[in-house]
Amino acid sequence: MQHFQKAVWGSILLALALVVIAVPAASAGNGNGPRTAPPGINSYGQTFTQFDNAQNAPAQFLGGSDVAETPAQAYASASTSQSVEIAPGLTLAQATGVAPIPTGTMQSLAARNGVSVVSLAATVSCASGNNGWQWGTWPEQQVITDWTSRCWTGSIVTSRSTSVTQSTTLCNADGAQSIVQAGGVGSGFVKWYDIGNFDCPFVTSIILDYHHQRILGMEVTGGGGYFIYTYGGS
């Protein structure tokens, strides 16, 4: 009986130890603690409540611009961009208008999109733009900016070159990427998500770290359209 009781108590203590290990501590810097205001202020003179309000303030549009590009400029943009797409069957030079698109290739583009060859322009047009979006306010602001150069003939997008940048003051920018969601180069439109990751730490006598993934939905269309169609994240 005594051996049985020892075995039972040993099992209980082991189970309790596993429970304690399985719950991460808030002070370990992982943001898993209760969302209550810890004592102290950070290096920017913020209380936790001020910090929390700043990192989660409503998103806002920062503005943008859009200008015409020459074929040579569009070709150069593609050589330095993070993400480049060209229409199937085209070279980069053809997709950006540096070289002419062969008649047979133009006919294939038209057939795939169900349009007449005569509706496609004899030359490729290009433009370059940027759009910025901000989540939170200074110094915990989290900003994503999309930089996109694109070219088209008629209603068909022939190339897209995109780079995504992040900016912040107190948070840490942990990398951004661009992921196509719908359509595609070689069709009449392309939709993609610019995704940026940010870690915002509140540092006093303890460290609380909050992770945010911000998403900016962008779209280009044949004919030169370029705009934000959604935004979100957490």
C-alpha atoms as a PDB file:
ATOM      1  CA  MET A   1       0.000   0.000   0.000  1.00  0.00           C
ATOM      2  CA  GLN A   2       2.831   2.377   0.898  1.00  0.00           C
ATOM      3  CA  HIS A   3       4.557   1.704  -2.413  1.00  0.00           C
ATOM      4  CA  PHE A   4       1.283   2.322  -4.257  1.00  0.00           C
ATOM      5  CA  GLN A   5       0.796   5.723  -2.540  1.00  0.00           C
ATOM      6  CA  LYS A   6       4.346   6.784  -3.405  1.00  0.00           C
ATOM      7  CA  ALA A   7       3.780   5.836  -7.033  1.00  0.00           C
ATOM      8  CA  VAL A   8       0.525   7.815  -7.173  1.00  0.00           C
ATOM      9  CA  TRP A   9       2.078  10.924  -5.580  1.00  0.00           C
ATOM     10  CA  GLY A  10       5.050  10.632  -7.930  1.00  0.00           C
ATOM     11  CA  SER A  11       2.729  10.586 -10.942  1.00  0.00           C
ATOM     12  CA  ILE A  12       0.828  13.617  -9.657  1.00  0.00           C
ATOM     13  CA  LEU A  13       4.003  15.631  -9.051  1.00  0.00           C
ATOM     14  CA  LEU A  14       5.311  14.716 -12.520  1.00  0.00           C
ATOM     15  CA  ALA A  15       2.042  15.842 -14.115  1.00  0.00           C
ATOM     16  CA  LEU A  16       2.163  19.159 -12.236  1.00  0.00           C
ATOM     17  CA  ALA A  17       5.753  19.710 -13.348  1.00  0.00           C
ATOM     18  CA  LEU A  18       4.791  19.134 -16.990  1.00  0.00           C
ATOM     19  CA  VAL A  19       1.921  21.631 -16.673  1.00  0.00           C
ATOM     20  CA  VAL A  20       4.290  24.266 -15.276  1.00  0.00           C
ATOM     21  CA  ILE A  21       6.780  23.675 -18.106  1.00  0.00           C
ATOM     22  CA  ALA A  22       4.064  23.835 -20.765  1.00  0.00           C
ATOM     23  CA  VAL A  23       2.929  27.388 -19.830  1.00  0.00           C
ATOM     24  CA  PRO A  24       5.448  29.988 -21.111  1.00  0.00           C
ATOM     25  CA  ALA A  25       6.232  32.853 -18.770  1.00  0.00           C
ATOM     26  CA  ALA A  26       5.208  36.367 -19.803  1.00  0.00           C
ATOM     27  CA  SER A  27       8.557  37.723 -18.664  1.00  0.00           C
ATOM     28  CA  ALA A  28      10.369  35.485 -21.141  1.00  0.00           C
ATOM     29  CA  GLY A  29       9.643  38.054 -23.860  1.00  0.00           C
ATOM     30  CA  ASN A  30       7.100  36.041 -25.808  1.00  0.00           C
ATOM     31  CA  GLY A  31       3.974  38.093 -25.070  1.00  0.00           C
ATOM     32  CA  ASN A  32       2.094  35.112 -23.666  1.00  0.00           C
ATOM     33  CA  GLY A  33       1.216  36.736 -20.347  1.00  0.00           C
ATOM     34  CA  PRO A  34      -2.124  38.277 -19.415  1.00  0.00           C
ATOM     35  CA  ARG A  35      -2.820  41.592 -21.133  1.00  0.00           C
ATOM     36  CA  THR A  36      -2.627  43.634 -17.924  1.00  0.00           C
ATOM     37  CA  ALA A  37      -0.560  46.789 -17.482  1.00  0.00           C
ATOM     38  CA  PRO A  38       2.855  45.918 -16.017  1.00  0.00           C
ATOM     39  CA  PRO A  39       4.637  48.565 -13.951  1.00  0.00           C
ATOM     40  CA  GLY A  40       7.164  51.072 -15.270  1.00  0.00           C
ATOM     41  CA  ILE A  41       7.713  52.997 -18.492  1.00  0.00           C
ATOM     42  CA  ASN A  42       9.799  52.125 -21.550  1.00  0.00           C
ATOM     43  CA  SER A  43      12.676  54.094 -23.089  1.00  0.00           C
ATOM     44  CA  TYR A  44      10.194  56.313 -24.946  1.00  0.00           C
ATOM     45  CA  GLY A  45       8.438  57.291 -21.723  1.00  0.00           C
ATOM     46  CA  GLN A  46       5.385  55.162 -22.433  1.00  0.00           C
ATOM     47  CA  THR A  47       3.296  53.272 -19.939  1.00  0.00           C
ATOM     48  CA  PHE A  48       2.126  49.866 -21.113  1.00  0.00           C
ATOM     49  CA  THR A  49      -1.328  51.274 -21.901  1.00  0.00           C
ATOM     50  CA  GLN A  50       0.181  53.994 -24.100  1.00  0.00           C
ATOM     51  CA  PHE A  51       2.406  51.420 -25.824  1.00  0.00           C
ATOM     52  CA  ASP A  52      -0.529  49.053 -26.401  1.00  0.00           C
ATOM     53  CA  ASN A  53      -2.724  51.826 -27.819  1.00  0.00           C
ATOM     54  CA  ALA A  54       0.076  52.934 -30.145  1.00  0.00           C
ATOM     55  CA  GLN A  55       0.862  49.478 -31.564  1.00  0.00           C
ATOM     56  CA  ASN A  56      -2.817  48.733 -32.207  1.00  0.00           C
ATOM     57  CA  ALA A  57      -4.031  52.142 -33.467  1.00  0.00           C
ATOM     58  CA  PRO A  58      -6.272  51.983 -36.593  1.00  0.00           C
ATOM     59  CA  ALA A  59      -4.582  51.566 -39.977  1.00  0.00           C
ATOM     60  CA  GLN A  60      -4.272  54.512 -42.322  1.00  0.00           C
ATOM     61  CA  PHE A  61      -3.333  55.170 -45.952  1.00  0.00           C
ATOM     62  CA  LEU A  62      -0.066  57.103 -46.287  1.00  0.00           C
ATOM     63  CA  GLY A  63      -0.459  58.055 -49.928  1.00  0.00           C
ATOM     64  CA  GLY A  64       1.292  57.045 -53.099  1.00  0.00           C
ATOM     65  CA  SER A  65       2.317  58.063 -56.599  1.00  0.00           C
ATOM     66  CA  ASP A  66       2.216  56.697 -60.119  1.00  0.00           C
ATOM     67  CA  VAL A  67       4.198  57.826 -63.166  1.00  0.00           C
ATOM     68  CA  ALA A  68       4.783  56.635 -66.723  1.00  0.00           C
ATOM     69  CA  GLU A  69       7.935  54.622 -67.371  1.00  0.00           C
ATOM     70  CA  THR A  70       9.936  54.110 -70.533  1.00  0.00           C
ATOM     71  CA  PRO A  71      10.587  50.512 -71.619  1.00  0.00           C
ATOM     72  CA  ALA A  72      14.241  50.910 -70.606  1.00  0.00           C
ATOM     73  CA  GLN A  73      13.218  52.086 -67.113  1.00  0.00           C
ATOM     74  CA  ALA A  74      10.783  49.187 -66.709  1.00  0.00           C
ATOM     75  CA  TYR A  75      13.484  46.743 -67.804  1.00  0.00           C
ATOM     76  CA  ALA A  76      15.899  48.233 -65.251  1.00  0.00           C
ATOM     77  CA  SER A  77      13.241  48.079 -62.490  1.00  0.00           C
ATOM     78  CA  ALA A  78      12.796  44.359 -63.117  1.00  0.00           C
ATOM     79  CA  SER A  79      16.518  43.748 -62.641  1.00  0.00           C
ATOM     80  CA  THR A  80      16.451  45.141 -59.083  1.00  0.00           C
ATOM     81  CA  SER A  81      12.993  44.102 -57.822  1.00  0.00           C
ATOM     82  CA  GLN A  82      12.294  41.393 -55.253  1.00  0.00           C
ATOM     83  CA  SER A  83       9.541  39.736 -57.318  1.00  0.00           C
ATOM     84  CA  VAL A  84       9.333  39.684 -61.129  1.00  0.00           C
ATOM     85  CA  GLU A  85       6.678  38.115 -63.371  1.00  0.00           C
ATOM     86  CA  ILE A  86       6.547  38.106 -67.159  1.00  0.00           C
ATOM     87  CA  ALA A  87       3.795  36.815 -69.432  1.00  0.00           C
ATOM     88  CA  PRO A  88       4.218  33.228 -70.686  1.00  0.00           C
ATOM     89  CA  GLY A  89       6.071  33.073 -73.991  1.00  0.00           C
ATOM     90  CA  LEU A  90       7.706  36.498 -73.611  1.00  0.00           C
ATOM     91  CA  THR A  91      11.239  37.489 -72.752  1.00  0.00           C
ATOM     92  CA  LEU A  92      11.766  40.261 -70.219  1.00  0.00           C
ATOM     93  CA  ALA A  93      12.791  42.591 -73.042  1.00  0.00           C
ATOM     94  CA  GLN A  94       9.555  41.844 -74.926  1.00  0.00           C
ATOM     95  CA  ALA A  95       7.395  42.080 -71.784  1.00  0.00           C
ATOM     96  CA  THR A  96       8.755  45.552 -70.980  1.00  0.00           C
ATOM     97  CA  GLY A  97       8.684  46.866 -74.555  1.00  0.00           C
ATOM     98  CA  VAL A  98      12.441  46.986 -75.075  1.00  0.00           C
ATOM     99  CA  ALA A  99      12.042  44.426 -77.881  1.00  0.00           C
ATOM    100  CA  PRO A 100       8.974  43.890 -80.097  1.00  0.00           C
ATOM    101  CA  ILE A 101       6.552  41.049 -79.381  1.00  0.00           C
ATOM    102  CA  PRO A 102       6.481  38.610 -82.350  1.00  0.00           C
ATOM    103  CA  THR A 103       3.169  38.387 -84.185  1.00  0.00           C
ATOM    104  CA  GLY A 104       2.676  34.708 -83.318  1.00  0.00           C
ATOM    105  CA  THR A 105       3.259  35.382 -79.616  1.00  0.00           C
ATOM    106  CA  MET A 106       0.817  38.297 -79.702  1.00  0.00           C
ATOM    107  CA  GLN A 107      -1.794  36.017 -81.302  1.00  0.00           C
ATOM    108  CA  SER A 108      -1.246  33.445 -78.516  1.00  0.00           C
ATOM    109  CA  LEU A 109      -1.672  36.130 -75.830  1.00  0.00           C
ATOM    110  CA  ALA A 110      -4.919  37.276 -77.441  1.00  0.00           C
ATOM    111  CA  ALA A 111      -6.266  33.719 -77.789  1.00  0.00           C
ATOM    112  CA  ARG A 112      -5.541  32.836 -74.153  1.00  0.00           C
ATOM    113  CA  ASN A 113      -7.462  35.896 -72.995  1.00  0.00           C
ATOM    114  CA  GLY A 114     -10.329  35.642 -75.459  1.00  0.00           C
ATOM    115  CA  VAL A 115      -9.632  39.007 -77.083  1.00  0.00           C
ATOM    116  CA  SER A 116      -8.929  40.101 -80.633  1.00  0.00           C
ATOM    117  CA  VAL A 117      -5.339  40.700 -81.680  1.00  0.00           C
ATOM    118  CA  VAL A 118      -6.384  44.092 -83.060  1.00  0.00           C
ATOM    119  CA  SER A 119      -7.422  45.116 -79.526  1.00  0.00           C
ATOM    120  CA  LEU A 120      -3.799  44.807 -78.385  1.00  0.00           C
ATOM    121  CA  ALA A 121      -1.505  47.784 -78.822  1.00  0.00           C
ATOM    122  CA  ALA A 122       1.353  47.695 -81.285  1.00  0.00           C
ATOM    123  CA  THR A 123       3.688  48.758 -78.478  1.00  0.00           C
ATOM    124  CA  VAL A 124       3.937  47.963 -74.770  1.00  0.00           C
ATOM    125  CA  SER A 125       3.224  50.731 -72.234  1.00  0.00           C
ATOM    126  CA  CYS A 126       4.712  50.852 -68.716  1.00  0.00           C
ATOM    127  CA  ALA A 127       4.292  52.736 -65.431  1.00  0.00           C
ATOM    128  CA  SER A 128       5.744  52.676 -61.936  1.00  0.00           C
ATOM    129  CA  GLY A 129       4.053  53.492 -58.632  1.00  0.00           C
ATOM    130  CA  ASN A 130       4.124  53.114 -54.884  1.00  0.00           C
ATOM    131  CA  ASN A 131       1.527  52.908 -52.115  1.00  0.00           C
ATOM    132  CA  GLY A 132       2.092  52.970 -48.354  1.00  0.00           C
ATOM    133  CA  TRP A 133      -0.070  51.806 -45.451  1.00  0.00           C
ATOM    134  CA  GLN A 134       0.529  52.262 -41.728  1.00  0.00           C
ATOM    135  CA  TRP A 135      -0.725  50.322 -38.720  1.00  0.00           C
ATOM    136  CA  GLY A 136      -0.266  51.801 -35.246  1.00  0.00           C
ATOM    137  CA  THR A 137       1.229  55.190 -34.399  1.00  0.00           C
ATOM    138  CA  TRP A 138       4.715  56.463 -33.507  1.00  0.00           C
ATOM    139  CA  PRO A 139       6.912  55.030 -32.096  1.00  0.00           C
ATOM    140  CA  GLU A 140       5.210  51.633 -32.609  1.00  0.00           C
ATOM    141  CA  GLN A 141       4.094  52.391 -36.184  1.00  0.00           C
ATOM    142  CA  GLN A 142       4.311  49.500 -38.655  1.00  0.00           C
ATOM    143  CA  VAL A 143       4.535  50.618 -42.284  1.00  0.00           C
ATOM    144  CA  ILE A 144       4.421  48.570 -45.486  1.00  0.00           C
ATOM    145  CA  THR A 145       5.170  50.248 -48.818  1.00  0.00           C
ATOM    146  CA  ASP A 146       4.584  48.565 -52.169  1.00  0.00           C
ATOM    147  CA  TRP A 147       6.786  49.575 -55.102  1.00  0.00           C
ATOM    148  CA  THR A 148       5.532  48.191 -58.409  1.00  0.00           C
ATOM    149  CA  SER A 149       6.560  48.647 -62.041  1.00  0.00           C
ATOM    150  CA  ARG A 150       4.266  47.047 -64.609  1.00  0.00           C
ATOM    151  CA  CYS A 151       3.748  46.924 -68.374  1.00  0.00           C
ATOM    152  CA  TRP A 152       0.793  46.033 -70.557  1.00  0.00           C
ATOM    153  CA  THR A 153      -0.499  45.807 -74.087  1.00  0.00           C
ATOM    154  CA  GLY A 154      -4.191  46.527 -74.540  1.00  0.00           C
ATOM    155  CA  SER A 155      -6.017  44.804 -71.676  1.00  0.00           C
ATOM    156  CA  ILE A 156      -3.227  42.302 -70.918  1.00  0.00           C
ATOM    157  CA  VAL A 157      -0.538  42.720 -68.255  1.00  0.00           C
ATOM    158  CA  THR A 158       2.819  41.685 -69.728  1.00  0.00           C
ATOM    159  CA  SER A 159       5.127  42.238 -66.737  1.00  0.00           C
ATOM    160  CA  ARG A 160       5.076  43.080 -63.021  1.00  0.00           C
ATOM    161  CA  SER A 161       8.080  43.906 -60.844  1.00  0.00           C
ATOM    162  CA  THR A 162       7.381  44.411 -57.135  1.00  0.00           C
ATOM    163  CA  SER A 163       9.433  45.224 -54.053  1.00  0.00           C
ATOM    164  CA  VAL A 164       8.051  45.517 -50.517  1.00  0.00           C
ATOM    165  CA  THR A 165       9.662  47.660 -47.829  1.00  0.00           C
ATOM    166  CA  GLN A 166       8.976  47.972 -44.095  1.00  0.00           C
ATOM    167  CA  SER A 167       9.629  50.856 -41.715  1.00  0.00           C
ATOM    168  CA  THR A 168       9.145  51.350 -37.981  1.00  0.00           C
ATOM    169  CA  THR A 169      10.732  53.125 -35.019  1.00  0.00           C
ATOM    170  CA  LEU A 170      10.497  50.932 -31.922  1.00  0.00           C
ATOM    171  CA  CYS A 171       9.235  47.658 -33.395  1.00  0.00           C
ATOM    172  CA  ASN A 172      11.449  45.189 -35.256  1.00  0.00           C
ATOM    173  CA  ALA A 173      10.776  44.568 -38.963  1.00  0.00           C
ATOM    174  CA  ASP A 174      11.094  40.807 -39.439  1.00  0.00           C
ATOM    175  CA  GLY A 175      10.863  40.516 -43.208  1.00  0.00           C
ATOM    176  CA  ALA A 176       8.314  41.068 -45.984  1.00  0.00           C
ATOM    177  CA  GLN A 177       7.204  39.140 -49.037  1.00  0.00           C
ATOM    178  CA  SER A 178       4.824  39.399 -51.997  1.00  0.00           C
ATOM    179  CA  ILE A 179       2.454  36.493 -52.764  1.00  0.00           C
ATOM    180  CA  VAL A 180       0.113  36.317 -55.801  1.00  0.00           C
ATOM    181  CA  GLN A 181      -3.515  35.685 -54.845  1.00  0.00           C
ATOM    182  CA  ALA A 182      -5.453  35.829 -58.125  1.00  0.00           C
ATOM    183  CA  GLY A 183      -5.015  36.394 -61.831  1.00  0.00           C
ATOM    184  CA  GLY A 184      -1.476  36.569 -63.138  1.00  0.00           C
ATOM    185  CA  VAL A 185       0.816  38.276 -65.594  1.00  0.00           C
ATOM    186  CA  GLY A 186      -0.313  37.334 -69.085  1.00  0.00           C
ATOM    187  CA  SER A 187      -3.963  37.927 -68.131  1.00  0.00           C
ATOM    188  CA  GLY A 188      -6.039  41.049 -67.530  1.00  0.00           C
ATOM    189  CA  PHE A 189      -5.136  41.518 -63.850  1.00  0.00           C
ATOM    190  CA  VAL A 190      -2.899  40.436 -60.984  1.00  0.00           C
ATOM    191  CA  LYS A 191      -3.809  40.540 -57.272  1.00  0.00           C
ATOM    192  CA  TRP A 192      -1.196  39.937 -54.600  1.00  0.00           C
ATOM    193  CA  TYR A 193      -0.577  40.313 -50.881  1.00  0.00           C
ATOM    194  CA  ASP A 194       2.353  42.267 -49.487  1.00  0.00           C
ATOM    195  CA  ILE A 195       2.962  40.655 -46.078  1.00  0.00           C
ATOM    196  CA  GLY A 196       5.136  42.301 -43.429  1.00  0.00           C
ATOM    197  CA  ASN A 197       6.046  40.876 -40.016  1.00  0.00           C
ATOM    198  CA  PHE A 198       6.754  43.114 -37.026  1.00  0.00           C
ATOM    199  CA  ASP A 199       7.681  42.435 -33.385  1.00  0.00           C
ATOM    200  CA  CYS A 200       6.885  45.234 -30.932  1.00  0.00           C
ATOM    201  CA  PRO A 201       8.578  44.871 -27.510  1.00  0.00           C
ATOM    202  CA  PHE A 202       7.574  46.631 -24.295  1.00  0.00           C
ATOM    203  CA  VAL A 203      10.748  46.714 -22.210  1.00  0.00           C
ATOM    204  CA  THR A 204      10.851  47.763 -18.552  1.00  0.00           C
ATOM    205  CA  SER A 205      11.807  45.484 -15.671  1.00  0.00           C
ATOM    206  CA  ILE A 206      10.195  42.736 -17.784  1.00  0.00           C
ATOM    207  CA  ILE A 207       9.936  42.199 -21.532  1.00  0.00           C
ATOM    208  CA  LEU A 208       6.660  41.663 -23.351  1.00  0.00           C
ATOM    209  CA  ASP A 209       6.920  41.081 -27.107  1.00  0.00           C
ATOM    210  CA  TYR A 210       3.913  41.321 -29.441  1.00  0.00           C
ATOM    211  CA  HIS A 211       4.014  39.956 -32.996  1.00  0.00           C
ATOM    212  CA  HIS A 212       2.017  41.508 -35.836  1.00  0.00           C
ATOM    213  CA  GLN A 213       1.566  40.296 -39.395  1.00  0.00           C
ATOM    214  CA  ARG A 214       0.309  43.132 -41.601  1.00  0.00           C
ATOM    215  CA  ILE A 215      -1.173  42.549 -45.073  1.00  0.00           C
ATOM    216  CA  LEU A 216      -1.589  44.983 -47.954  1.00  0.00           C
ATOM    217  CA  GLY A 217      -3.608  43.724 -50.930  1.00  0.00           C
ATOM    218  CA  MET A 218      -2.491  45.220 -54.255  1.00  0.00           C
ATOM    219  CA  GLU A 219      -3.774  44.915 -57.824  1.00  0.00           C
ATOM    220  CA  VAL A 220      -2.659  45.880 -61.326  1.00  0.00           C
ATOM    221  CA  THR A 221      -4.832  45.655 -64.422  1.00  0.00           C
ATOM    222  CA  GLY A 222      -4.307  45.727 -68.167  1.00  0.00           C
ATOM    223  CA  GLY A 223      -4.493  49.333 -69.288  1.00  0.00           C
ATOM    224  CA  GLY A 224      -2.302  50.527 -66.426  1.00  0.00           C
ATOM    225  CA  GLY A 225      -4.466  50.287 -63.280  1.00  0.00           C
ATOM    226  CA  TYR A 226      -2.600  50.100 -59.952  1.00  0.00           C
ATOM    227  CA  PHE A 227      -4.307  50.298 -56.561  1.00  0.00           C
ATOM    228  CA  ILE A 228      -4.848  48.894 -53.062  1.00  0.00           C
ATOM    229  CA  TYR A 229      -7.868  46.601 -52.933  1.00  0.00           C
ATOM    230  CA  THR A 230      -7.715  45.475 -49.295  1.00  0.00           C
ATOM    231  CA  TYR A 231      -5.667  45.558 -46.111  1.00  0.00           C
ATOM    232  CA  GLY A 232      -5.670  43.565 -42.906  1.00  0.00           C
ATOM    233  CA  GLY A 233      -3.633  41.327 -40.647  1.00  0.00           C
ATOM    234  CA  SER A 234      -3.283  41.069 -36.914  1.00  0.00           C
END
